[in-house]
Amino acid sequence: MNNKINLDYYKIFYEVAKEGNITKAANNLFISQPAVTQTIKKLEDNLKTTLFIRNSKGMNLTKIGEKIFSLTEKGLKTFESIENLAKDEKELTSGEITISCGTNIAKKILLPSVVEFNSIYPNISIKIEDNVQAVSFQKLEKGEIDILISQKNDINKNLKFSHLCYEKYVFVTKYSDELLNKVILMAEGTYSRQIFDNFIKDNTLQFKNSIIANGYNMAIELCKSGFGIMIAPYYLVEDLIKDKILKIVYKDKKVGDIQDFGFYTNENCLTKITNEFSKILIKNNK
């Protein structure tokens, strides 16, 4: 006996128990009375128990029938909720998407797509997280988030990477005489700090003083005030360079590798919502 038949049997059982009458149940279900009677008998045979006490007034549940009715009612409501959820997700009339993206890259890559997606699908909830990259990868593998926007990382072979753009890192400063004076650093372990340390090592450069900033926002403000030189992704300082507030230095030297930015998805738990958002994300970052 397949699951669909089982579910139909319980739907008929539920209707008979609710109405206490086979004729009313048959009318509600738009099936014949003999079909209802036969289904109840098959269900009782299958469960090897008596569900109803038949009398002239109708159908009364036995004690075990009452317990099964209670469970059936909860089960049918659960199935109905599942069907409604699947329908809403298919039609994109409700649901949610969770995206992990660093604050700094979000303005360039993510925010325009969030605005557009929300205008097209206003009933879809959007949650944006800013986690440590390693945590985001773990959450994506577990299906706890839907999209991870990040630099390409060949370590995560189980996740699909879709390219969006390339970004480079540059050294910027306000005054050229700062080159041999002060440097603004990111914390150890960050990607920018790794690039800086490698750059200094490869070019045998030294700086007299340094300050460690807690994030790019603070570092850029220090750089704008003339504190010293700093390294940053080009997209973060592009407008400041165009407005001649900061200028690029060490143009003749390689400052790290050009970074491939894109987004990761878990192909084992893709939803239509994720697919639709991905299309917008790719279109807006061509």
Protein backbone atom coordinates (compact mmCIF):
# COMPACT_ATOMS: atom_id res chain seq x y z
CA MET A 1 0.00 0.00 0.00
CA ASN A 2 1.60 3.27 -1.03
CA ASN A 3 1.81 6.49 0.97
CA LYS A 4 -0.76 8.33 -1.13
CA ILE A 5 -3.38 5.62 -0.48
CA ASN A 6 -2.55 5.65 3.23
CA LEU A 7 -2.94 9.41 3.41
CA ASP A 8 -6.26 9.27 1.55
CA TYR A 9 -7.49 6.61 3.98
CA TYR A 10 -6.70 8.82 6.94
CA LYS A 11 -8.39 11.79 5.29
CA ILE A 12 -11.57 9.73 4.90
CA PHE A 13 -11.26 8.41 8.47
CA TYR A 14 -10.88 11.98 9.75
CA GLU A 15 -13.98 13.18 7.91
CA VAL A 16 -16.13 10.29 9.16
CA ALA A 17 -14.93 10.81 12.73
CA LYS A 18 -15.55 14.54 12.54
CA GLU A 19 -19.08 14.17 11.13
CA GLY A 20 -19.98 10.95 12.97
CA ASN A 21 -21.87 9.96 9.86
CA ILE A 22 -20.82 8.15 6.67
CA THR A 23 -23.36 9.93 4.45
CA LYS A 24 -22.22 13.41 5.53
CA ALA A 25 -18.56 12.43 5.17
CA ALA A 26 -19.17 11.05 1.68
CA ASN A 27 -20.93 14.27 0.65
CA ASN A 28 -18.11 16.41 2.03
CA LEU A 29 -15.50 14.34 0.18
CA PHE A 30 -17.54 14.03 -3.05
CA ILE A 31 -17.24 10.24 -3.07
CA SER A 32 -19.79 7.46 -2.70
CA GLN A 33 -20.97 6.04 0.62
CA PRO A 34 -19.81 2.49 -0.27
CA ALA A 35 -16.33 3.87 -1.02
CA VAL A 36 -16.20 5.49 2.43
CA THR A 37 -17.42 2.33 4.14
CA GLN A 38 -14.89 0.20 2.25
CA THR A 39 -12.02 2.57 3.10
CA ILE A 40 -12.83 2.53 6.82
CA LYS A 41 -12.90 -1.29 6.78
CA LYS A 42 -9.53 -1.44 4.95
CA LEU A 43 -8.01 1.02 7.41
CA GLU A 44 -9.25 -1.02 10.38
CA ASP A 45 -7.89 -4.19 8.79
CA ASN A 46 -4.58 -2.49 8.13
CA LEU A 47 -4.30 -1.23 11.73
CA LYS A 48 -5.78 -4.45 13.11
CA THR A 49 -8.11 -2.52 15.41
CA THR A 50 -11.68 -1.22 15.57
CA LEU A 51 -11.97 2.52 15.02
CA PHE A 52 -15.74 3.01 15.19
CA ILE A 53 -18.76 1.67 17.01
CA ARG A 54 -21.60 1.54 14.50
CA ASN A 55 -25.14 2.26 15.66
CA SER A 56 -28.40 3.62 14.31
CA LYS A 57 -27.39 7.20 15.11
CA GLY A 58 -24.09 7.06 13.26
CA MET A 59 -20.42 6.32 13.88
CA ASN A 60 -18.83 6.77 17.30
CA LEU A 61 -15.11 6.50 17.87
CA THR A 62 -13.70 3.80 20.09
CA LYS A 63 -11.12 4.79 22.70
CA ILE A 64 -8.26 3.86 20.37
CA GLY A 65 -10.15 5.57 17.55
CA GLU A 66 -10.21 8.82 19.55
CA LYS A 67 -6.44 8.69 20.04
CA ILE A 68 -5.85 7.96 16.36
CA PHE A 69 -8.24 10.78 15.42
CA SER A 70 -6.23 13.25 17.53
CA LEU A 71 -2.98 12.21 15.87
CA THR A 72 -4.60 12.21 12.43
CA GLU A 73 -5.90 15.74 12.93
CA LYS A 74 -2.42 16.99 13.83
CA GLY A 75 -0.88 15.05 10.94
CA LEU A 76 -3.29 16.36 8.32
CA LYS A 77 -2.71 19.94 9.49
CA THR A 78 1.04 19.35 9.19
CA PHE A 79 0.64 18.00 5.65
CA GLU A 80 -1.52 20.99 4.77
CA SER A 81 1.13 23.36 6.12
CA ILE A 82 3.80 21.56 4.09
CA GLU A 83 1.73 21.83 0.91
CA ASN A 84 1.04 25.52 1.50
CA LEU A 85 4.70 26.19 2.24
CA ALA A 86 5.80 24.42 -0.93
CA LYS A 87 3.18 26.30 -2.96
CA ASP A 88 4.25 29.66 -1.55
CA GLU A 89 7.91 28.89 -2.19
CA LYS A 90 7.17 27.81 -5.76
CA GLU A 91 5.16 30.96 -6.45
CA LEU A 92 7.56 33.16 -4.42
CA THR A 93 4.68 34.62 -2.43
CA SER A 94 6.39 33.95 0.89
CA GLY A 95 9.58 32.52 2.32
CA GLU A 96 13.02 33.78 3.23
CA ILE A 97 16.62 33.85 2.09
CA THR A 98 19.69 34.17 4.29
CA ILE A 99 22.85 35.67 2.83
CA SER A 100 26.28 35.90 4.41
CA CYS A 101 28.40 38.79 3.16
CA GLY A 102 31.13 40.96 4.60
CA THR A 103 30.06 44.53 5.31
CA ASN A 104 32.74 46.07 3.12
CA ILE A 105 32.01 44.13 -0.07
CA ALA A 106 28.22 44.24 0.45
CA LYS A 107 27.86 47.81 -0.83
CA LYS A 108 29.47 46.94 -4.16
CA ILE A 109 28.23 43.41 -4.81
CA LEU A 110 25.13 42.78 -2.71
CA LEU A 111 23.02 45.84 -1.89
CA PRO A 112 21.76 46.72 -5.41
CA SER A 113 20.53 43.16 -5.83
CA VAL A 114 18.81 43.16 -2.44
CA VAL A 115 16.92 46.32 -3.38
CA GLU A 116 15.87 44.90 -6.77
CA PHE A 117 14.88 41.49 -5.38
CA ASN A 118 12.77 43.11 -2.67
CA SER A 119 10.97 45.27 -5.22
CA ILE A 120 10.06 42.18 -7.27
CA TYR A 121 9.33 39.80 -4.37
CA PRO A 122 8.27 42.03 -1.45
CA ASN A 123 6.89 39.12 0.59
CA ILE A 124 10.22 37.26 0.73
CA SER A 125 12.16 37.98 3.92
CA ILE A 126 15.85 38.75 3.46
CA LYS A 127 18.37 38.15 6.24
CA ILE A 128 21.96 39.34 5.85
CA GLU A 129 24.71 38.04 8.12
CA ASP A 130 28.33 39.11 8.47
CA ASN A 131 30.17 36.07 9.80
CA VAL A 132 33.78 35.01 9.84
CA GLN A 133 34.38 33.25 6.52
CA ALA A 134 35.04 29.85 8.09
CA VAL A 135 31.77 30.04 10.04
CA SER A 136 29.85 31.03 6.89
CA PHE A 137 31.20 28.04 4.97
CA GLN A 138 30.14 25.70 7.77
CA LYS A 139 26.65 27.20 7.89
CA LEU A 140 26.27 26.93 4.12
CA GLU A 141 27.31 23.28 4.16
CA LYS A 142 24.69 22.62 6.86
CA GLY A 143 22.00 24.49 4.91
CA GLU A 144 21.70 27.19 7.59
CA ILE A 145 22.31 29.96 5.04
CA ASP A 146 21.47 30.09 1.33
CA ILE A 147 24.21 32.21 -0.25
CA LEU A 148 27.74 33.14 0.79
CA ILE A 149 29.41 36.08 -0.94
CA SER A 150 33.16 35.78 -0.65
CA GLN A 151 36.52 35.59 -2.32
CA LYS A 152 37.06 32.33 -4.18
CA ASN A 153 38.36 29.62 -1.92
CA ASP A 154 39.41 26.34 -3.53
CA ILE A 155 39.26 24.50 -0.22
CA ASN A 156 35.46 24.16 -0.28
CA LYS A 157 35.03 21.61 -3.07
CA ASN A 158 31.51 20.63 -2.01
CA LEU A 159 30.06 24.08 -2.70
CA LYS A 160 29.43 25.73 -6.05
CA PHE A 161 31.22 29.03 -6.75
CA SER A 162 29.77 31.55 -9.22
CA HIS A 163 32.02 34.40 -10.34
CA LEU A 164 30.84 38.01 -10.00
CA CYS A 165 33.86 40.32 -10.29
CA TYR A 166 37.59 40.75 -9.83
CA GLU A 167 39.04 43.10 -7.21
CA LYS A 168 42.58 44.28 -6.58
CA TYR A 169 44.30 45.68 -3.50
CA VAL A 170 46.17 48.99 -3.49
CA PHE A 171 48.30 51.12 -1.21
CA VAL A 172 46.83 54.57 -0.64
CA THR A 173 47.93 57.64 1.27
CA LYS A 174 47.23 61.33 1.58
CA TYR A 175 50.79 62.67 1.45
CA SER A 176 53.69 61.12 -0.43
CA ASP A 177 56.18 61.80 2.36
CA GLU A 178 54.30 59.32 4.53
CA LEU A 179 55.82 56.43 2.59
CA LEU A 180 58.76 56.20 4.97
CA ASN A 181 56.86 57.25 8.06
CA LYS A 182 53.63 55.64 9.32
CA VAL A 183 51.47 52.70 8.26
CA ILE A 184 47.89 51.79 9.15
CA LEU A 185 47.50 48.02 9.60
CA MET A 186 44.63 45.60 9.86
CA ALA A 187 44.66 43.00 12.64
CA GLU A 188 46.84 39.90 12.27
CA GLY A 189 45.08 37.04 10.53
CA THR A 190 43.08 39.28 8.19
CA TYR A 191 43.61 38.99 4.45
CA SER A 192 44.81 42.59 4.15
CA ARG A 193 47.41 42.02 6.84
CA GLN A 194 48.68 38.93 5.02
CA ILE A 195 49.05 40.92 1.80
CA PHE A 196 50.85 43.70 3.66
CA ASP A 197 53.28 41.34 5.43
CA ASN A 198 54.10 39.56 2.15
CA PHE A 199 54.54 42.87 0.36
CA ILE A 200 56.98 44.18 2.98
CA LYS A 201 58.92 40.93 2.92
CA ASP A 202 59.13 40.79 -0.89
CA ASN A 203 60.15 44.43 -1.24
CA THR A 204 62.32 44.72 1.89
CA LEU A 205 60.51 47.84 3.08
CA GLN A 206 60.31 49.24 6.60
CA PHE A 207 58.02 51.72 8.30
CA LYS A 208 58.94 53.71 11.38
CA ASN A 209 55.55 53.70 13.11
CA SER A 210 52.30 51.81 12.80
CA ILE A 211 48.79 51.71 14.17
CA ILE A 212 46.41 48.75 14.06
CA ALA A 213 42.87 49.73 13.08
CA ASN A 214 39.76 47.76 13.95
CA GLY A 215 38.30 47.50 10.47
CA TYR A 216 38.53 49.39 7.20
CA ASN A 217 36.22 52.24 8.21
CA MET A 218 38.56 53.35 10.97
CA ALA A 219 41.65 52.75 8.80
CA ILE A 220 40.28 54.86 5.94
CA GLU A 221 39.40 57.73 8.27
CA LEU A 222 42.93 57.64 9.69
CA CYS A 223 44.35 57.61 6.19
CA LYS A 224 42.18 60.55 5.12
CA SER A 225 43.39 62.51 8.14
CA GLY A 226 46.97 62.04 6.97
CA PHE A 227 48.07 59.55 9.58
CA GLY A 228 49.85 57.27 7.16
CA ILE A 229 49.76 54.73 4.34
CA MET A 230 47.35 51.79 4.22
CA ILE A 231 46.43 48.83 2.04
CA ALA A 232 42.79 48.33 1.01
CA PRO A 233 40.58 46.72 -1.63
CA TYR A 234 40.28 49.13 -4.52
CA TYR A 235 36.47 49.20 -4.39
CA LEU A 236 36.60 50.69 -0.88
CA VAL A 237 38.79 53.64 -1.83
CA GLU A 238 37.82 54.09 -5.49
CA ASP A 239 35.69 57.21 -4.89
CA LEU A 240 38.31 58.76 -2.60
CA ILE A 241 40.93 58.26 -5.32
CA LYS A 242 38.69 59.78 -8.00
CA ASP A 243 37.99 62.77 -5.74
CA LYS A 244 41.76 63.11 -5.13
CA ILE A 245 41.34 62.73 -1.38
CA LEU A 246 43.71 59.76 -1.43
CA LYS A 247 46.21 58.60 -4.01
CA ILE A 248 47.67 55.26 -4.97
CA VAL A 249 51.34 54.57 -4.26
CA TYR A 250 53.63 51.69 -5.21
CA LYS A 251 51.88 51.50 -8.58
CA ASP A 252 54.93 49.80 -10.07
CA LYS A 253 54.85 46.94 -7.56
CA LYS A 254 52.53 43.94 -7.26
CA VAL A 255 50.25 44.26 -4.25
CA GLY A 256 48.91 40.76 -3.73
CA ASP A 257 46.92 38.73 -6.25
CA ILE A 258 43.81 40.02 -7.98
CA GLN A 259 40.90 38.51 -6.05
CA ASP A 260 38.05 36.60 -7.64
CA PHE A 261 34.84 37.58 -5.83
CA GLY A 262 31.58 35.69 -6.24
CA PHE A 263 29.06 33.66 -4.31
CA TYR A 264 28.82 30.11 -3.03
CA THR A 265 25.69 27.96 -2.95
CA ASN A 266 24.98 24.47 -1.67
CA GLU A 267 23.57 22.48 -4.59
CA ASN A 268 22.02 19.96 -2.17
CA CYS A 269 19.59 22.47 -0.69
CA LEU A 270 18.85 25.02 -3.40
CA THR A 271 15.45 26.70 -3.40
CA LYS A 272 13.64 28.64 -6.09
CA ILE A 273 14.15 31.75 -3.98
CA THR A 274 17.92 31.21 -3.99
CA ASN A 275 17.92 30.60 -7.74
CA GLU A 276 15.97 33.79 -8.44
CA PHE A 277 18.19 35.88 -6.20
CA SER A 278 21.29 34.37 -7.83
CA LYS A 279 20.07 35.44 -11.28
CA ILE A 280 19.64 39.04 -10.09
CA LEU A 281 23.02 38.97 -8.36
CA ILE A 282 24.80 37.81 -11.53
CA LYS A 283 22.93 40.33 -13.74
CA ASN A 284 23.86 43.26 -11.52
CA ASN A 285 27.55 42.33 -11.37
CA LYS A 286 28.26 41.76 -15.07
